[in-house]
Amino acid sequence: MPEVPTASSRCLRWRDRRHSWRRRSEGGFDSGGYLVDELPESAAKGFVLAHHYCGAYPAAVNRYGLFDVRGGGSQLVGVAVFGVPVQPGVLTGALPTLEPYRESQELSRFVLLDQVPANAESWFLARCFAQLRAAGVRGVVSFADPVPRLTSDGRVLAPGHVGTIYQASGAAYTGRATARTLTLLPDGTVLNARAAQKVRRGEPGHDYVERRLVALGARPPEPGEDMTAWLRSALVAVRVSRFRHPGAHRYVFRLGRNERERQRIPLGLQPARYPKLADASQPELF
């Protein structure tokens, strides 16, 4: 997998869960033809599930859309979702003085279609932050996964990235998140611990996870079946792989009207120098 340096002229884009690149040499982004507005849950979820590589929608609090209004129309061409991370410590560790979920949120999904010109990211993100700030949000945590993700047949599902747009937008880099072992499905997506827990406990959302596994080759669960045992057999049936992830890059945005207001929000983690290159290849599977 090629490494993409921070100073690259390529901007990552998506359509139908497949990535592509837009280059600055093709012509830059003209903000006069676009606007940003809040989105209902259904519109944001539909867009993310259709285009983002992970094939999953997070617990959302605020959702914003980038609309192409050139020519008098209004087409949704990008979505940013801010919401609830797996645990509140993701927010309180980075922004200890802010109330999680109300004053601090995670940027969980950020996806632009391939028709959006290069350099649209920072403009879109800045407009999202302005609306968040007006709603009382003062800090945002986001992660950039530097590990390329491949399907079982070798197709590149997602290239690794170091968070170039976060760096360009002035985020504080606070190192990598905790290294962890991930369960990789044959389609290149990850079955995270929270999704597995939903299946074992029958929590809301378990049926979506079960359908994903059945679509990949697992048998449907029987009524009244022990779901812990079913999940174990399903993971064997779909032939999952496990790999040790070195940890995603963590970025923290402090939202304020000016630099003075931003600096008054303390960081709970020590800032570090920006990373420059994505990981060269997917870690060894086991």
Protein backbone atom coordinates (compact mmCIF):
# COMPACT_ATOMS: atom_id res chain seq x y z
CA MET A 1 0.00 0.00 0.00
CA PRO A 2 1.40 3.43 -0.93
CA GLU A 3 1.92 5.95 1.82
CA VAL A 4 0.17 9.30 1.48
CA PRO A 5 2.22 12.14 3.00
CA THR A 6 0.57 14.97 4.90
CA ALA A 7 1.52 17.46 2.19
CA SER A 8 -0.10 15.34 -0.55
CA SER A 9 -2.21 17.14 -3.15
CA ARG A 10 -4.72 14.27 -3.06
CA CYS A 11 -8.01 14.48 -1.15
CA LEU A 12 -9.88 11.33 -0.19
CA ARG A 13 -13.40 10.86 -1.56
CA TRP A 14 -16.06 8.13 -1.42
CA ARG A 15 -18.94 6.66 -3.39
CA ASP A 16 -20.71 3.36 -2.79
CA ARG A 17 -18.12 2.53 -0.08
CA ARG A 18 -15.24 2.76 -2.58
CA HIS A 19 -12.54 5.37 -2.23
CA SER A 20 -11.02 7.64 -4.85
CA TRP A 21 -8.94 10.82 -4.93
CA ARG A 22 -9.50 14.40 -6.01
CA ARG A 23 -6.43 16.49 -6.81
CA ARG A 24 -5.85 20.19 -6.38
CA SER A 25 -4.62 20.38 -9.97
CA GLU A 26 -8.18 19.59 -11.14
CA GLY A 27 -9.39 22.91 -9.76
CA GLY A 28 -10.08 24.01 -6.23
CA PHE A 29 -13.22 24.17 -4.17
CA ASP A 30 -15.49 27.21 -4.70
CA SER A 31 -17.48 27.72 -1.51
CA GLY A 32 -19.96 29.96 -3.34
CA GLY A 33 -21.70 26.90 -4.76
CA TYR A 34 -22.18 25.05 -1.46
CA LEU A 35 -23.90 25.40 1.89
CA VAL A 36 -23.91 23.49 5.18
CA ASP A 37 -27.03 22.68 7.14
CA GLU A 38 -28.29 20.33 9.84
CA LEU A 39 -29.51 16.91 8.73
CA PRO A 40 -32.24 14.64 10.09
CA GLU A 41 -31.07 11.28 11.38
CA SER A 42 -32.57 9.34 8.47
CA ALA A 43 -30.76 11.36 5.79
CA ALA A 44 -27.40 11.25 7.57
CA LYS A 45 -27.68 7.53 8.28
CA GLY A 46 -28.69 6.66 4.73
CA PHE A 47 -25.78 8.62 3.26
CA VAL A 48 -23.18 7.17 5.63
CA LEU A 49 -24.35 3.58 5.16
CA ALA A 50 -24.36 4.00 1.38
CA HIS A 51 -20.93 5.56 1.02
CA HIS A 52 -18.64 5.22 4.06
CA TYR A 53 -16.37 2.19 3.97
CA CYS A 54 -17.13 0.96 7.49
CA GLY A 55 -20.76 0.17 6.66
CA ALA A 56 -21.98 1.23 10.12
CA TYR A 57 -23.64 4.29 11.60
CA PRO A 58 -22.61 5.66 15.02
CA ALA A 59 -24.66 7.01 17.91
CA ALA A 60 -25.19 10.58 16.73
CA VAL A 61 -25.98 13.83 18.52
CA ASN A 62 -25.42 16.37 15.72
CA ARG A 63 -25.45 15.76 11.97
CA TYR A 64 -24.55 18.19 9.20
CA GLY A 65 -24.75 17.97 5.44
CA LEU A 66 -22.72 19.62 2.68
CA PHE A 67 -25.08 20.60 -0.14
CA ASP A 68 -24.15 21.42 -3.72
CA VAL A 69 -26.46 24.30 -4.67
CA ARG A 70 -24.92 25.19 -8.01
CA GLY A 71 -27.45 25.53 -10.80
CA GLY A 72 -30.33 26.16 -8.45
CA GLY A 73 -30.58 22.61 -7.08
CA SER A 74 -29.64 21.20 -3.69
CA GLN A 75 -27.80 17.89 -3.67
CA LEU A 76 -26.37 16.27 -0.54
CA VAL A 77 -22.69 15.55 -1.29
CA GLY A 78 -21.12 15.25 2.16
CA VAL A 79 -21.99 14.36 5.75
CA ALA A 80 -20.34 14.98 9.11
CA VAL A 81 -21.66 13.12 12.16
CA PHE A 82 -20.80 14.17 15.71
CA GLY A 83 -21.81 12.02 18.62
CA VAL A 84 -21.19 9.50 21.34
CA PRO A 85 -17.97 7.44 21.42
CA VAL A 86 -17.77 3.92 22.82
CA GLN A 87 -17.05 5.28 26.30
CA PRO A 88 -17.09 8.77 27.86
CA GLY A 89 -13.37 8.52 28.69
CA VAL A 90 -12.64 9.17 25.01
CA LEU A 91 -13.93 12.70 25.61
CA THR A 92 -13.09 13.33 29.26
CA GLY A 93 -9.51 12.15 28.84
CA ALA A 94 -8.87 14.69 26.09
CA LEU A 95 -11.16 17.48 27.33
CA PRO A 96 -11.47 16.98 31.11
CA THR A 97 -13.34 20.19 31.95
CA LEU A 98 -16.13 19.71 29.38
CA GLU A 99 -19.32 17.74 29.94
CA PRO A 100 -19.25 14.73 27.59
CA TYR A 101 -21.91 14.54 24.88
CA ARG A 102 -23.19 18.07 25.63
CA GLU A 103 -20.04 20.22 25.62
CA SER A 104 -17.76 17.67 23.94
CA GLN A 105 -18.47 15.16 21.17
CA GLU A 106 -16.64 12.84 18.81
CA LEU A 107 -16.46 13.43 15.07
CA SER A 108 -17.57 9.92 14.22
CA ARG A 109 -18.05 10.07 10.43
CA PHE A 110 -16.82 12.50 7.80
CA VAL A 111 -17.45 11.56 4.17
CA LEU A 112 -17.52 13.51 0.90
CA LEU A 113 -18.63 12.20 -2.48
CA ASP A 114 -16.16 11.93 -5.35
CA GLN A 115 -17.75 14.86 -7.18
CA VAL A 116 -16.70 17.34 -4.47
CA PRO A 117 -13.56 19.23 -5.55
CA ALA A 118 -10.32 19.11 -3.58
CA ASN A 119 -9.88 21.31 -0.49
CA ALA A 120 -13.57 21.28 0.51
CA GLU A 121 -12.86 19.50 3.78
CA SER A 122 -11.59 22.35 5.92
CA TRP A 123 -14.38 24.69 4.76
CA PHE A 124 -17.06 22.10 5.55
CA LEU A 125 -15.52 21.28 8.91
CA ALA A 126 -15.27 24.96 9.90
CA ARG A 127 -18.99 25.48 9.18
CA CYS A 128 -19.86 22.41 11.23
CA PHE A 129 -17.80 23.74 14.13
CA ALA A 130 -19.54 27.11 13.96
CA GLN A 131 -22.93 25.43 14.29
CA LEU A 132 -21.70 23.17 17.07
CA ARG A 133 -20.31 26.15 18.96
CA ALA A 134 -23.67 27.91 18.68
CA ALA A 135 -25.29 24.79 20.18
CA GLY A 136 -22.94 24.87 23.20
CA VAL A 137 -20.32 22.35 22.07
CA ARG A 138 -16.82 23.50 22.98
CA GLY A 139 -14.63 20.54 22.07
CA VAL A 140 -14.43 17.74 19.50
CA VAL A 141 -12.27 14.63 19.45
CA SER A 142 -11.58 12.80 16.20
CA PHE A 143 -9.50 9.84 15.12
CA ALA A 144 -7.60 9.07 11.93
CA ASP A 145 -6.98 5.39 11.21
CA PRO A 146 -3.50 5.05 9.67
CA VAL A 147 -3.89 1.35 8.85
CA PRO A 148 -4.95 0.40 5.31
CA ARG A 149 -7.95 -1.92 5.32
CA LEU A 150 -8.17 -4.79 2.82
CA THR A 151 -10.91 -7.29 2.03
CA SER A 152 -10.18 -11.03 2.09
CA ASP A 153 -9.69 -11.01 -1.69
CA GLY A 154 -7.11 -8.22 -1.49
CA ARG A 155 -9.27 -5.24 -2.55
CA VAL A 156 -8.38 -1.97 -0.85
CA LEU A 157 -11.42 -1.05 1.21
CA ALA A 158 -9.80 2.05 2.74
CA PRO A 159 -6.31 3.52 2.56
CA GLY A 160 -4.63 4.54 5.79
CA HIS A 161 -4.67 8.25 6.59
CA VAL A 162 -3.01 10.44 9.18
CA GLY A 163 -5.67 13.15 9.56
CA THR A 164 -4.43 15.69 7.04
CA ILE A 165 -7.64 17.72 7.18
CA TYR A 166 -7.49 17.85 10.98
CA GLN A 167 -3.95 19.15 10.83
CA ALA A 168 -4.95 21.74 8.25
CA SER A 169 -7.82 22.79 10.51
CA GLY A 170 -5.56 23.42 13.49
CA ALA A 171 -6.39 20.45 15.70
CA ALA A 172 -4.08 19.48 18.55
CA TYR A 173 -2.50 16.08 17.95
CA THR A 174 -2.37 14.05 21.16
CA GLY A 175 -0.79 10.78 20.04
CA ARG A 176 -2.27 7.40 19.30
CA ALA A 177 -5.23 5.78 20.96
CA THR A 178 -4.67 2.53 22.82
CA ALA A 179 -3.42 -0.37 20.71
CA ARG A 180 -5.98 -3.17 20.53
CA THR A 181 -6.81 -6.44 18.84
CA LEU A 182 -9.55 -6.09 16.19
CA THR A 183 -11.80 -8.69 14.61
CA LEU A 184 -11.70 -8.24 10.84
CA LEU A 185 -14.58 -9.53 8.71
CA PRO A 186 -13.99 -10.83 5.16
CA ASP A 187 -15.40 -7.65 3.64
CA GLY A 188 -12.66 -5.62 5.36
CA THR A 189 -14.88 -4.07 8.01
CA VAL A 190 -14.32 -4.47 11.73
CA LEU A 191 -16.66 -6.19 14.17
CA ASN A 192 -16.02 -4.06 17.23
CA ALA A 193 -16.49 -5.10 20.82
CA ARG A 194 -19.64 -3.01 21.21
CA ALA A 195 -21.33 -4.70 18.24
CA ALA A 196 -20.43 -8.13 19.58
CA GLN A 197 -21.86 -7.17 22.97
CA LYS A 198 -25.16 -6.18 21.36
CA VAL A 199 -25.47 -9.68 19.90
CA ARG A 200 -24.59 -11.48 23.12
CA ARG A 201 -27.01 -9.42 25.22
CA GLY A 202 -29.77 -8.88 22.65
CA GLU A 203 -29.39 -5.11 22.93
CA PRO A 204 -30.85 -2.65 20.40
CA GLY A 205 -28.98 -2.97 17.11
CA HIS A 206 -28.18 -6.67 17.54
CA ASP A 207 -30.35 -7.63 14.55
CA TYR A 208 -28.28 -5.44 12.21
CA VAL A 209 -25.04 -7.10 13.35
CA GLU A 210 -26.59 -10.54 12.96
CA ARG A 211 -27.74 -9.74 9.42
CA ARG A 212 -24.21 -8.62 8.53
CA LEU A 213 -22.78 -11.94 9.69
CA VAL A 214 -25.49 -13.99 7.96
CA ALA A 215 -24.80 -12.10 4.71
CA LEU A 216 -21.15 -13.12 5.05
CA GLY A 217 -21.96 -16.82 5.44
CA ALA A 218 -23.11 -17.47 9.01
CA ARG A 219 -26.34 -19.38 9.60
CA PRO A 220 -29.26 -17.40 11.06
CA PRO A 221 -29.74 -17.77 14.82
CA GLU A 222 -32.53 -20.05 16.03
CA PRO A 223 -35.29 -18.68 18.30
CA GLY A 224 -34.17 -18.88 21.91
CA GLU A 225 -30.60 -19.84 20.98
CA ASP A 226 -27.72 -18.91 23.28
CA MET A 227 -26.38 -15.87 21.39
CA THR A 228 -22.91 -16.06 22.90
CA ALA A 229 -22.54 -19.54 21.43
CA TRP A 230 -24.12 -18.43 18.16
CA LEU A 231 -21.72 -15.51 17.80
CA ARG A 232 -18.76 -17.78 18.43
CA SER A 233 -19.86 -20.20 15.70
CA ALA A 234 -20.76 -17.36 13.33
CA LEU A 235 -17.27 -15.87 13.53
CA VAL A 236 -15.79 -19.26 12.71
CA ALA A 237 -18.21 -19.71 9.79
CA VAL A 238 -17.37 -16.37 8.17
CA ARG A 239 -13.66 -16.95 8.78
CA VAL A 240 -12.75 -13.77 10.58
CA SER A 241 -9.17 -12.64 11.06
CA ARG A 242 -7.71 -10.80 14.03
CA PHE A 243 -4.94 -8.25 13.96
CA ARG A 244 -3.17 -6.03 16.43
CA HIS A 245 -3.99 -2.42 15.62
CA PRO A 246 -1.30 0.06 16.76
CA GLY A 247 -3.90 2.70 17.64
CA ALA A 248 -5.55 5.45 15.62
CA HIS A 249 -4.18 9.00 15.64
CA ARG A 250 -6.14 11.22 18.07
CA TYR A 251 -6.92 14.87 17.33
CA VAL A 252 -8.63 17.41 19.58
CA PHE A 253 -10.40 20.59 18.49
CA ARG A 254 -11.13 23.32 21.01
CA LEU A 255 -14.00 25.45 19.73
CA GLY A 256 -14.07 29.17 20.38
CA ARG A 257 -14.69 32.45 18.60
CA ASN A 258 -10.99 33.29 18.75
CA GLU A 259 -7.66 31.86 19.83
CA ARG A 260 -8.01 33.26 23.33
CA GLU A 261 -11.27 31.38 23.91
CA ARG A 262 -9.79 28.19 22.49
CA GLN A 263 -6.74 28.35 24.73
CA ARG A 264 -8.93 28.64 27.82
CA ILE A 265 -10.13 25.07 27.27
CA PRO A 266 -7.49 22.80 28.84
CA LEU A 267 -6.27 19.64 27.18
CA GLY A 268 -6.10 16.49 29.25
CA LEU A 269 -3.45 14.96 27.00
CA GLN A 270 -0.04 16.23 26.04
CA PRO A 271 0.15 17.68 22.50
CA ALA A 272 2.69 16.12 20.16
CA ARG A 273 4.09 16.71 16.68
CA TYR A 274 1.85 15.86 13.76
CA PRO A 275 2.40 12.44 12.17
CA LYS A 276 3.46 12.60 8.53
CA LEU A 277 2.89 9.19 6.93
CA ALA A 278 0.14 6.60 7.08
CA ASP A 279 1.18 3.06 8.00
CA ALA A 280 2.65 1.25 5.03
CA SER A 281 0.54 -1.88 5.23
CA GLN A 282 -2.14 -3.68 7.16
CA PRO A 283 -0.73 -5.35 10.27
CA GLU A 284 -0.14 -9.06 10.16
CA LEU A 285 -3.31 -11.08 10.68
CA PHE A 286 -3.59 -13.95 13.14
